[in-house]
Structures are given as C-alpha cells and as structure tokens.
C-alpha cells in the first residue's frame, strides 16, 4: 500500500472528528476503546465477536494515548480485513503494517499546512512540534513520508 493512499484514507477519516481526535473518529466508526494495563505494550487493535476494539495502555500519558489510538485506528482503516482473516497480525509483514499505521497516525494527527508554515518561517522541527502540540518523532516521521526530512525510522511507538 503506498503512502498517498494512506494519506487519503487519513484525510477521509479526519472528517469524522472536528479536531483530529482519534477517539471521536473511533466512536463514529463503532470501535470500542478500552484502557488496560498492557505492560510494555502501548496498544492493540483486534476484533472481539465482530466488534472492533482498540486497547490502549492506561499507564501512558494522555498525548501518547492519543497517538496510540490514531495508530490503532490506522490498523482498523487499513488492515481490518487482513487482521480479521488472520485473527492476529500477519507475521510475515508486521514491519510493513506498523509503518502504514504510523503513516496514518501522523497524517491524521498533524496539520501538514500548519507544519509547513512553521518550517517555512524558519522554525526547527522541535519548535514546530511544540507549536502544533505534537510529538517531534511523529512530526519528523510525517515529514520523512513526504521526503522533507531524513527520519531514522518509523518506530517511534516502540
């Protein structure tokens, strides 16, 4: 699946929420969001009795819970059929599926136009992330998707 397709899916899903809130979008899509102590796991997406569920580690701070929710929402939008058919994440492509969910999360949460405005005015990525109230790694990852930044990897949720 290419990045352009994922960016379009994220844009369509954003329309379900007034202010880029992945919890609102999940609710609008009929996804149950559950908070549990998941140990070292930040979140998970799965189906339970044909009900889509996003589980979020309750020990995470509010900002990270929002990022994790957007990431798991990405799995729902992009991978629900393959996850349902496998009943678990397909072991042959977990890196690809995670990267795609990260692209979705970044595109869903970050206003690219505002980010571009900040950067064109001379702000650093750290300053831009602070202005947008987002995670710098998420911002740098999104910029790398557009070829505007050389982010080391897309594993900021690990």
N, C-alpha and C. Protein backbone atom coordinates (compact mmCIF):
# COMPACT_ATOMS: atom_id res chain seq x y z
N UNK A 1 0.86 -1.16 0.00
CA UNK A 1 0.00 0.00 0.00
C UNK A 1 0.91 1.23 0.00
N UNK A 2 0.63 2.18 -0.88
CA UNK A 2 1.52 3.34 -0.96
C UNK A 2 1.07 4.46 -0.02
N UNK A 3 2.02 5.35 0.26
CA UNK A 3 1.78 6.43 1.22
C UNK A 3 0.64 7.35 0.78
N UNK A 4 0.53 7.61 -0.50
CA UNK A 4 -0.52 8.51 -0.99
C UNK A 4 -1.91 7.95 -0.65
N UNK A 5 -2.09 6.66 -0.82
CA UNK A 5 -3.35 6.01 -0.48
C UNK A 5 -3.65 6.16 1.02
N UNK A 6 -2.63 5.94 1.85
CA UNK A 6 -2.79 6.04 3.30
C UNK A 6 -3.13 7.47 3.70
N UNK A 7 -2.46 8.45 3.09
CA UNK A 7 -2.73 9.86 3.39
C UNK A 7 -4.17 10.22 3.04
N UNK A 8 -4.68 9.69 1.93
CA UNK A 8 -6.07 9.94 1.53
C UNK A 8 -7.05 9.31 2.53
N UNK A 9 -6.74 8.11 2.98
CA UNK A 9 -7.60 7.43 3.97
C UNK A 9 -7.61 8.22 5.28
N UNK A 10 -6.45 8.73 5.68
CA UNK A 10 -6.37 9.53 6.91
C UNK A 10 -7.19 10.80 6.77
N UNK A 11 -7.10 11.45 5.62
CA UNK A 11 -7.87 12.68 5.38
C UNK A 11 -9.37 12.40 5.45
N UNK A 12 -9.80 11.30 4.88
CA UNK A 12 -11.23 10.94 4.91
C UNK A 12 -11.68 10.64 6.34
N UNK A 13 -10.85 9.97 7.10
CA UNK A 13 -11.19 9.63 8.47
C UNK A 13 -11.22 10.85 9.37
N UNK A 14 -10.35 11.84 9.09
CA UNK A 14 -10.31 13.08 9.87
C UNK A 14 -11.66 13.79 9.84
N UNK A 15 -12.41 13.61 8.77
CA UNK A 15 -13.71 14.26 8.63
C UNK A 15 -14.71 13.77 9.68
N UNK A 16 -14.41 12.65 10.33
CA UNK A 16 -15.29 12.12 11.38
C UNK A 16 -15.08 12.81 12.72
N UNK A 17 -14.07 13.66 12.79
CA UNK A 17 -13.72 14.33 14.04
C UNK A 17 -13.51 15.81 13.78
N UNK A 18 -14.05 16.65 14.64
CA UNK A 18 -13.90 18.09 14.44
C UNK A 18 -12.47 18.57 14.64
N UNK A 19 -11.74 17.98 15.55
CA UNK A 19 -10.41 18.50 15.87
C UNK A 19 -9.35 17.39 15.94
N UNK A 20 -9.35 16.55 14.93
CA UNK A 20 -8.34 15.49 14.81
C UNK A 20 -8.28 14.61 16.04
N UNK A 21 -9.42 14.31 16.60
CA UNK A 21 -9.47 13.47 17.79
C UNK A 21 -9.72 12.02 17.38
N UNK A 22 -8.72 11.16 17.55
CA UNK A 22 -8.90 9.77 17.11
C UNK A 22 -9.96 9.02 17.94
N UNK A 23 -10.20 9.47 19.17
CA UNK A 23 -11.22 8.85 20.00
C UNK A 23 -12.62 9.13 19.43
N UNK A 24 -12.84 10.37 18.95
CA UNK A 24 -14.10 10.72 18.31
C UNK A 24 -14.30 9.90 17.03
N UNK A 25 -13.25 9.79 16.24
CA UNK A 25 -13.33 9.03 14.99
C UNK A 25 -13.62 7.56 15.28
N UNK A 26 -12.95 7.00 16.29
CA UNK A 26 -13.18 5.60 16.65
C UNK A 26 -14.65 5.40 17.06
N UNK A 27 -15.15 6.31 17.86
CA UNK A 27 -16.55 6.22 18.29
C UNK A 27 -17.49 6.27 17.09
N UNK A 28 -17.22 7.20 16.16
CA UNK A 28 -18.06 7.35 14.98
C UNK A 28 -18.04 6.09 14.11
N UNK A 29 -16.96 5.34 14.17
CA UNK A 29 -16.82 4.11 13.39
C UNK A 29 -17.29 2.87 14.15
N UNK A 30 -17.78 3.06 15.37
CA UNK A 30 -18.28 1.94 16.14
C UNK A 30 -17.19 1.08 16.77
N UNK A 31 -16.03 1.67 16.98
CA UNK A 31 -14.91 0.95 17.59
C UNK A 31 -14.95 1.17 19.09
N UNK A 32 -14.87 0.09 19.84
CA UNK A 32 -14.81 0.19 21.30
C UNK A 32 -13.36 0.49 21.69
N UNK A 33 -13.17 1.51 22.51
CA UNK A 33 -11.84 1.83 23.02
C UNK A 33 -11.79 1.42 24.49
N UNK A 34 -10.79 0.62 24.81
CA UNK A 34 -10.64 0.07 26.16
C UNK A 34 -9.28 0.45 26.71
N UNK A 35 -9.23 0.78 28.00
CA UNK A 35 -7.99 1.15 28.68
C UNK A 35 -7.64 0.06 29.69
N UNK A 36 -6.46 -0.50 29.54
CA UNK A 36 -5.98 -1.56 30.44
C UNK A 36 -4.49 -1.38 30.65
N UNK A 37 -3.98 -1.96 31.72
CA UNK A 37 -2.53 -2.01 31.90
C UNK A 37 -2.02 -3.12 31.00
N UNK A 38 -1.35 -2.75 29.94
CA UNK A 38 -0.88 -3.72 28.94
C UNK A 38 0.61 -4.03 29.09
N UNK A 39 1.17 -3.68 30.23
CA UNK A 39 2.60 -3.93 30.42
C UNK A 39 3.42 -3.06 29.49
N UNK A 40 4.30 -3.67 28.72
CA UNK A 40 5.16 -2.91 27.81
C UNK A 40 4.48 -2.60 26.48
N UNK A 41 3.32 -3.19 26.24
CA UNK A 41 2.57 -2.95 25.00
C UNK A 41 1.82 -1.63 25.11
N UNK A 42 1.95 -0.77 24.10
CA UNK A 42 1.28 0.53 24.14
C UNK A 42 -0.18 0.44 23.73
N UNK A 43 -0.47 -0.46 22.78
CA UNK A 43 -1.84 -0.59 22.32
C UNK A 43 -2.00 -1.79 21.42
N UNK A 44 -3.24 -2.05 21.05
CA UNK A 44 -3.53 -3.17 20.16
C UNK A 44 -4.88 -2.93 19.49
N UNK A 45 -5.03 -3.50 18.31
CA UNK A 45 -6.31 -3.48 17.61
C UNK A 45 -6.69 -4.93 17.33
N UNK A 46 -7.95 -5.26 17.61
CA UNK A 46 -8.43 -6.61 17.32
C UNK A 46 -9.95 -6.59 17.25
N UNK A 47 -10.50 -7.68 16.76
CA UNK A 47 -11.94 -7.83 16.74
C UNK A 47 -12.35 -8.83 17.79
N UNK A 48 -13.43 -8.51 18.51
CA UNK A 48 -13.95 -9.43 19.52
C UNK A 48 -15.43 -9.61 19.24
N UNK A 49 -15.80 -10.82 18.83
CA UNK A 49 -17.19 -11.10 18.47
C UNK A 49 -17.69 -10.10 17.43
N UNK A 50 -16.88 -9.85 16.42
CA UNK A 50 -17.19 -8.93 15.32
C UNK A 50 -17.32 -7.47 15.75
N UNK A 51 -16.83 -7.15 16.93
CA UNK A 51 -16.79 -5.75 17.39
C UNK A 51 -15.33 -5.32 17.35
N UNK A 52 -15.01 -4.26 16.58
CA UNK A 52 -13.63 -3.79 16.56
C UNK A 52 -13.27 -3.13 17.90
N UNK A 53 -12.07 -3.45 18.39
CA UNK A 53 -11.63 -2.95 19.69
C UNK A 53 -10.23 -2.37 19.57
N UNK A 54 -10.05 -1.20 20.16
CA UNK A 54 -8.72 -0.61 20.33
C UNK A 54 -8.44 -0.66 21.82
N UNK A 55 -7.37 -1.35 22.18
CA UNK A 55 -6.93 -1.40 23.58
C UNK A 55 -5.74 -0.45 23.73
N UNK A 56 -5.79 0.40 24.73
CA UNK A 56 -4.74 1.38 24.97
C UNK A 56 -4.21 1.19 26.38
N UNK A 57 -2.91 1.23 26.50
CA UNK A 57 -2.28 1.08 27.81
C UNK A 57 -2.63 2.29 28.68
N UNK A 58 -3.30 2.03 29.78
CA UNK A 58 -3.75 3.11 30.66
C UNK A 58 -2.59 3.82 31.37
N UNK A 59 -1.40 3.24 31.34
CA UNK A 59 -0.26 3.85 32.02
C UNK A 59 0.41 4.93 31.17
N UNK A 60 0.01 5.07 29.91
CA UNK A 60 0.59 6.09 29.03
C UNK A 60 0.01 7.47 29.35
N UNK A 61 0.78 8.52 29.07
CA UNK A 61 0.23 9.86 29.27
C UNK A 61 -0.81 10.14 28.18
N UNK A 62 -1.60 11.18 28.40
CA UNK A 62 -2.72 11.49 27.51
C UNK A 62 -2.28 11.70 26.06
N UNK A 63 -1.16 12.39 25.85
CA UNK A 63 -0.69 12.64 24.49
C UNK A 63 -0.32 11.33 23.79
N UNK A 64 0.38 10.44 24.50
CA UNK A 64 0.77 9.17 23.89
C UNK A 64 -0.46 8.28 23.67
N UNK A 65 -1.45 8.35 24.55
CA UNK A 65 -2.68 7.59 24.32
C UNK A 65 -3.36 8.03 23.03
N UNK A 66 -3.32 9.32 22.76
CA UNK A 66 -3.92 9.86 21.54
C UNK A 66 -3.17 9.34 20.30
N UNK A 67 -1.84 9.34 20.37
CA UNK A 67 -1.04 8.84 19.26
C UNK A 67 -1.31 7.34 19.04
N UNK A 68 -1.34 6.60 20.13
CA UNK A 68 -1.58 5.15 20.03
C UNK A 68 -2.98 4.89 19.47
N UNK A 69 -3.97 5.65 19.91
CA UNK A 69 -5.32 5.48 19.38
C UNK A 69 -5.34 5.74 17.88
N UNK A 70 -4.67 6.80 17.44
CA UNK A 70 -4.62 7.10 15.99
C UNK A 70 -3.91 5.98 15.23
N UNK A 71 -2.86 5.43 15.80
CA UNK A 71 -2.12 4.33 15.19
C UNK A 71 -3.03 3.10 15.05
N UNK A 72 -3.73 2.76 16.13
CA UNK A 72 -4.61 1.59 16.09
C UNK A 72 -5.81 1.83 15.19
N UNK A 73 -6.28 3.08 15.13
CA UNK A 73 -7.33 3.45 14.18
C UNK A 73 -6.85 3.20 12.76
N UNK A 74 -5.56 3.49 12.52
CA UNK A 74 -4.97 3.21 11.21
C UNK A 74 -5.04 1.73 10.88
N UNK A 75 -4.78 0.87 11.86
CA UNK A 75 -4.91 -0.57 11.61
C UNK A 75 -6.35 -0.91 11.24
N UNK A 76 -7.31 -0.30 11.91
CA UNK A 76 -8.72 -0.57 11.59
C UNK A 76 -9.04 -0.16 10.16
N UNK A 77 -8.65 1.05 9.80
CA UNK A 77 -8.97 1.57 8.47
C UNK A 77 -8.22 0.82 7.37
N UNK A 78 -6.95 0.54 7.61
CA UNK A 78 -6.10 -0.02 6.56
C UNK A 78 -6.01 -1.55 6.56
N UNK A 79 -6.15 -2.17 7.72
CA UNK A 79 -5.81 -3.59 7.83
C UNK A 79 -6.90 -4.46 8.44
N UNK A 80 -8.09 -3.93 8.68
CA UNK A 80 -9.08 -4.72 9.43
C UNK A 80 -9.41 -6.04 8.74
N UNK A 81 -9.48 -6.03 7.43
CA UNK A 81 -9.80 -7.28 6.73
C UNK A 81 -8.70 -8.31 6.90
N UNK A 82 -7.45 -7.88 6.75
CA UNK A 82 -6.35 -8.85 6.88
C UNK A 82 -6.20 -9.31 8.33
N UNK A 83 -6.45 -8.41 9.27
CA UNK A 83 -6.35 -8.80 10.68
C UNK A 83 -7.48 -9.77 11.02
N UNK A 84 -8.68 -9.51 10.52
CA UNK A 84 -9.81 -10.41 10.80
C UNK A 84 -9.58 -11.77 10.16
N UNK A 85 -9.03 -11.80 8.95
CA UNK A 85 -8.82 -13.09 8.30
C UNK A 85 -7.70 -13.87 8.97
N UNK A 86 -6.72 -13.18 9.53
CA UNK A 86 -5.63 -13.86 10.22
C UNK A 86 -5.98 -14.12 11.68
N UNK A 87 -6.91 -13.31 12.21
CA UNK A 87 -7.25 -13.30 13.62
C UNK A 87 -6.13 -12.78 14.51
N UNK A 88 -4.95 -12.58 13.94
CA UNK A 88 -3.82 -11.94 14.60
C UNK A 88 -3.04 -11.20 13.54
N UNK A 89 -2.11 -10.37 13.94
CA UNK A 89 -1.28 -9.69 12.96
C UNK A 89 -0.53 -10.72 12.14
N UNK A 90 -0.51 -10.54 10.85
CA UNK A 90 0.19 -11.48 9.98
C UNK A 90 1.69 -11.37 10.25
N UNK A 91 2.29 -12.49 10.53
CA UNK A 91 3.68 -12.49 10.97
C UNK A 91 4.67 -12.17 9.85
N UNK A 92 4.28 -12.30 8.61
CA UNK A 92 5.23 -12.07 7.53
C UNK A 92 5.41 -10.60 7.20
N UNK A 93 4.49 -9.74 7.63
CA UNK A 93 4.60 -8.32 7.27
C UNK A 93 4.37 -7.37 8.44
N UNK A 94 4.76 -7.70 9.67
CA UNK A 94 4.44 -6.78 10.77
C UNK A 94 5.11 -5.42 10.62
N UNK A 95 6.33 -5.38 10.08
CA UNK A 95 7.01 -4.10 9.90
C UNK A 95 6.27 -3.20 8.93
N UNK A 96 5.78 -3.78 7.85
CA UNK A 96 5.04 -3.01 6.85
C UNK A 96 3.73 -2.51 7.43
N UNK A 97 3.00 -3.39 8.12
CA UNK A 97 1.71 -2.99 8.70
C UNK A 97 1.89 -1.89 9.74
N UNK A 98 2.94 -2.00 10.56
CA UNK A 98 3.20 -0.98 11.58
C UNK A 98 3.57 0.35 10.95
N UNK A 99 4.40 0.31 9.91
CA UNK A 99 4.78 1.55 9.22
C UNK A 99 3.54 2.22 8.61
N UNK A 100 2.68 1.44 8.00
CA UNK A 100 1.47 2.00 7.41
C UNK A 100 0.57 2.63 8.48
N UNK A 101 0.44 1.97 9.62
CA UNK A 101 -0.37 2.53 10.71
C UNK A 101 0.27 3.80 11.26
N UNK A 102 1.61 3.85 11.28
CA UNK A 102 2.30 5.07 11.72
C UNK A 102 2.08 6.22 10.75
N UNK A 103 2.11 5.93 9.46
CA UNK A 103 1.83 6.98 8.45
C UNK A 103 0.42 7.51 8.67
N UNK A 104 -0.52 6.61 8.85
CA UNK A 104 -1.91 7.01 9.08
C UNK A 104 -2.01 7.91 10.32
N UNK A 105 -1.40 7.47 11.43
CA UNK A 105 -1.48 8.23 12.68
C UNK A 105 -0.90 9.62 12.51
N UNK A 106 0.25 9.71 11.88
CA UNK A 106 0.90 11.01 11.69
C UNK A 106 0.04 11.93 10.83
N UNK A 107 -0.49 11.39 9.74
CA UNK A 107 -1.31 12.20 8.84
C UNK A 107 -2.64 12.59 9.48
N UNK A 108 -3.18 11.72 10.32
CA UNK A 108 -4.43 12.01 11.00
C UNK A 108 -4.25 13.12 12.03
N UNK A 109 -3.18 13.07 12.79
CA UNK A 109 -3.00 13.97 13.93
C UNK A 109 -2.36 15.31 13.60
N UNK A 110 -1.56 15.36 12.54
CA UNK A 110 -0.78 16.58 12.27
C UNK A 110 -1.37 17.37 11.11
N UNK A 111 -1.55 18.65 11.32
CA UNK A 111 -1.99 19.57 10.26
C UNK A 111 -0.76 19.91 9.42
N UNK A 112 -0.67 19.30 8.25
CA UNK A 112 0.51 19.46 7.39
C UNK A 112 0.70 20.91 6.94
N UNK A 113 -0.39 21.61 6.69
CA UNK A 113 -0.26 23.01 6.26
C UNK A 113 0.34 23.88 7.36
N UNK A 114 -0.11 23.69 8.58
CA UNK A 114 0.45 24.46 9.70
C UNK A 114 1.91 24.09 9.93
N UNK A 115 2.22 22.80 9.79
CA UNK A 115 3.61 22.37 9.95
C UNK A 115 4.49 23.02 8.88
N UNK A 116 4.02 23.02 7.65
CA UNK A 116 4.79 23.63 6.56
C UNK A 116 4.98 25.12 6.79
N UNK A 117 3.93 25.80 7.25
CA UNK A 117 4.04 27.23 7.54
C UNK A 117 5.12 27.50 8.58
N UNK A 118 5.11 26.72 9.64
CA UNK A 118 6.12 26.89 10.70
C UNK A 118 7.53 26.67 10.16
N UNK A 119 7.69 25.60 9.42
CA UNK A 119 9.02 25.27 8.90
C UNK A 119 9.50 26.31 7.90
N UNK A 120 8.59 26.81 7.05
CA UNK A 120 8.96 27.83 6.07
C UNK A 120 9.31 29.17 6.73
N UNK A 121 8.79 29.38 7.93
CA UNK A 121 9.12 30.60 8.68
C UNK A 121 10.41 30.45 9.47
N UNK A 122 11.07 29.31 9.34
CA UNK A 122 12.36 29.12 9.98
C UNK A 122 12.35 28.35 11.29
N UNK A 123 11.20 27.84 11.68
CA UNK A 123 11.15 27.04 12.91
C UNK A 123 11.85 25.70 12.70
N UNK A 124 12.46 25.20 13.75
CA UNK A 124 13.03 23.87 13.70
C UNK A 124 11.90 22.84 13.84
N UNK A 125 12.22 21.57 13.64
CA UNK A 125 11.19 20.56 13.83
C UNK A 125 10.75 20.51 15.30
N UNK A 126 11.68 20.73 16.21
CA UNK A 126 11.32 20.74 17.64
C UNK A 126 10.36 21.90 17.94
N UNK A 127 10.66 23.08 17.40
CA UNK A 127 9.79 24.23 17.61
C UNK A 127 8.42 24.01 16.96
N UNK A 128 8.44 23.45 15.77
CA UNK A 128 7.18 23.17 15.06
C UNK A 128 6.34 22.18 15.83
N UNK A 129 6.96 21.12 16.34
CA UNK A 129 6.23 20.13 17.13
C UNK A 129 5.62 20.78 18.38
N UNK A 130 6.37 21.66 19.02
CA UNK A 130 5.87 22.34 20.21
C UNK A 130 4.68 23.25 19.85
N UNK A 131 4.79 23.98 18.76
CA UNK A 131 3.70 24.86 18.33
C UNK A 131 2.45 24.06 18.02
N UNK A 132 2.63 22.91 17.36
CA UNK A 132 1.49 22.07 16.97
C UNK A 132 1.03 21.15 18.11
N UNK A 133 1.75 21.20 19.23
CA UNK A 133 1.44 20.34 20.37
C UNK A 133 1.41 18.87 19.96
N UNK A 134 2.47 18.46 19.26
CA UNK A 134 2.57 17.08 18.82
C UNK A 134 3.93 16.50 19.19
N UNK A 135 4.07 15.24 19.02
CA UNK A 135 5.31 14.53 19.30
C UNK A 135 6.31 14.81 18.17
N UNK A 136 7.53 15.21 18.52
CA UNK A 136 8.53 15.54 17.50
C UNK A 136 8.83 14.35 16.60
N UNK A 137 8.86 13.14 17.17
CA UNK A 137 9.15 11.96 16.35
C UNK A 137 8.04 11.70 15.34
N UNK A 138 6.81 11.95 15.74
CA UNK A 138 5.67 11.81 14.84
C UNK A 138 5.77 12.82 13.70
N UNK A 139 6.10 14.06 14.04
CA UNK A 139 6.26 15.10 13.03
C UNK A 139 7.39 14.76 12.07
N UNK A 140 8.54 14.40 12.60
CA UNK A 140 9.68 14.06 11.73
C UNK A 140 9.37 12.86 10.85
N UNK A 141 8.64 11.90 11.38
CA UNK A 141 8.24 10.75 10.58
C UNK A 141 7.35 11.18 9.43
N UNK A 142 6.36 12.04 9.70
CA UNK A 142 5.47 12.50 8.63
C UNK A 142 6.25 13.28 7.57
N UNK A 143 7.16 14.12 8.02
CA UNK A 143 7.98 14.88 7.06
C UNK A 143 8.82 13.93 6.21
N UNK A 144 9.28 12.82 6.79
CA UNK A 144 10.07 11.85 6.02
C UNK A 144 9.20 11.15 4.98
N UNK A 145 7.92 10.95 5.29
CA UNK A 145 7.00 10.34 4.32
C UNK A 145 6.89 11.23 3.09
N UNK A 146 6.89 12.53 3.31
CA UNK A 146 6.83 13.49 2.21
C UNK A 146 8.20 13.76 1.59
N UNK A 147 9.24 13.12 2.10
CA UNK A 147 10.59 13.31 1.58
C UNK A 147 11.23 14.61 2.01
N UNK A 148 10.73 15.20 3.09
CA UNK A 148 11.22 16.50 3.55
C UNK A 148 12.15 16.41 4.75
N UNK A 149 12.35 15.21 5.25
CA UNK A 149 13.18 15.03 6.44
C UNK A 149 13.72 13.60 6.41
N UNK A 150 14.93 13.43 6.90
CA UNK A 150 15.52 12.11 6.93
C UNK A 150 15.39 11.53 8.34
N UNK A 151 14.19 11.01 8.65
CA UNK A 151 13.95 10.42 9.96
C UNK A 151 14.61 9.05 10.02
N UNK A 152 15.21 8.70 11.15
CA UNK A 152 15.92 7.42 11.24
C UNK A 152 15.04 6.20 11.03
N UNK A 153 13.81 6.22 11.52
CA UNK A 153 12.89 5.10 11.31
C UNK A 153 11.50 5.52 11.74
N UNK A 154 10.56 4.64 11.54
CA UNK A 154 9.18 4.93 11.92
C UNK A 154 8.77 4.18 13.16
N UNK A 155 9.70 3.86 14.03
CA UNK A 155 9.39 3.04 15.19
C UNK A 155 9.23 3.88 16.46
N UNK A 156 8.64 5.05 16.35
CA UNK A 156 8.54 5.94 17.50
C UNK A 156 7.56 5.43 18.55
N UNK A 157 6.76 4.42 18.22
CA UNK A 157 5.83 3.88 19.19
C UNK A 157 6.40 2.70 19.96
N UNK A 158 7.61 2.28 19.66
CA UNK A 158 8.20 1.13 20.35
C UNK A 158 8.76 1.55 21.69
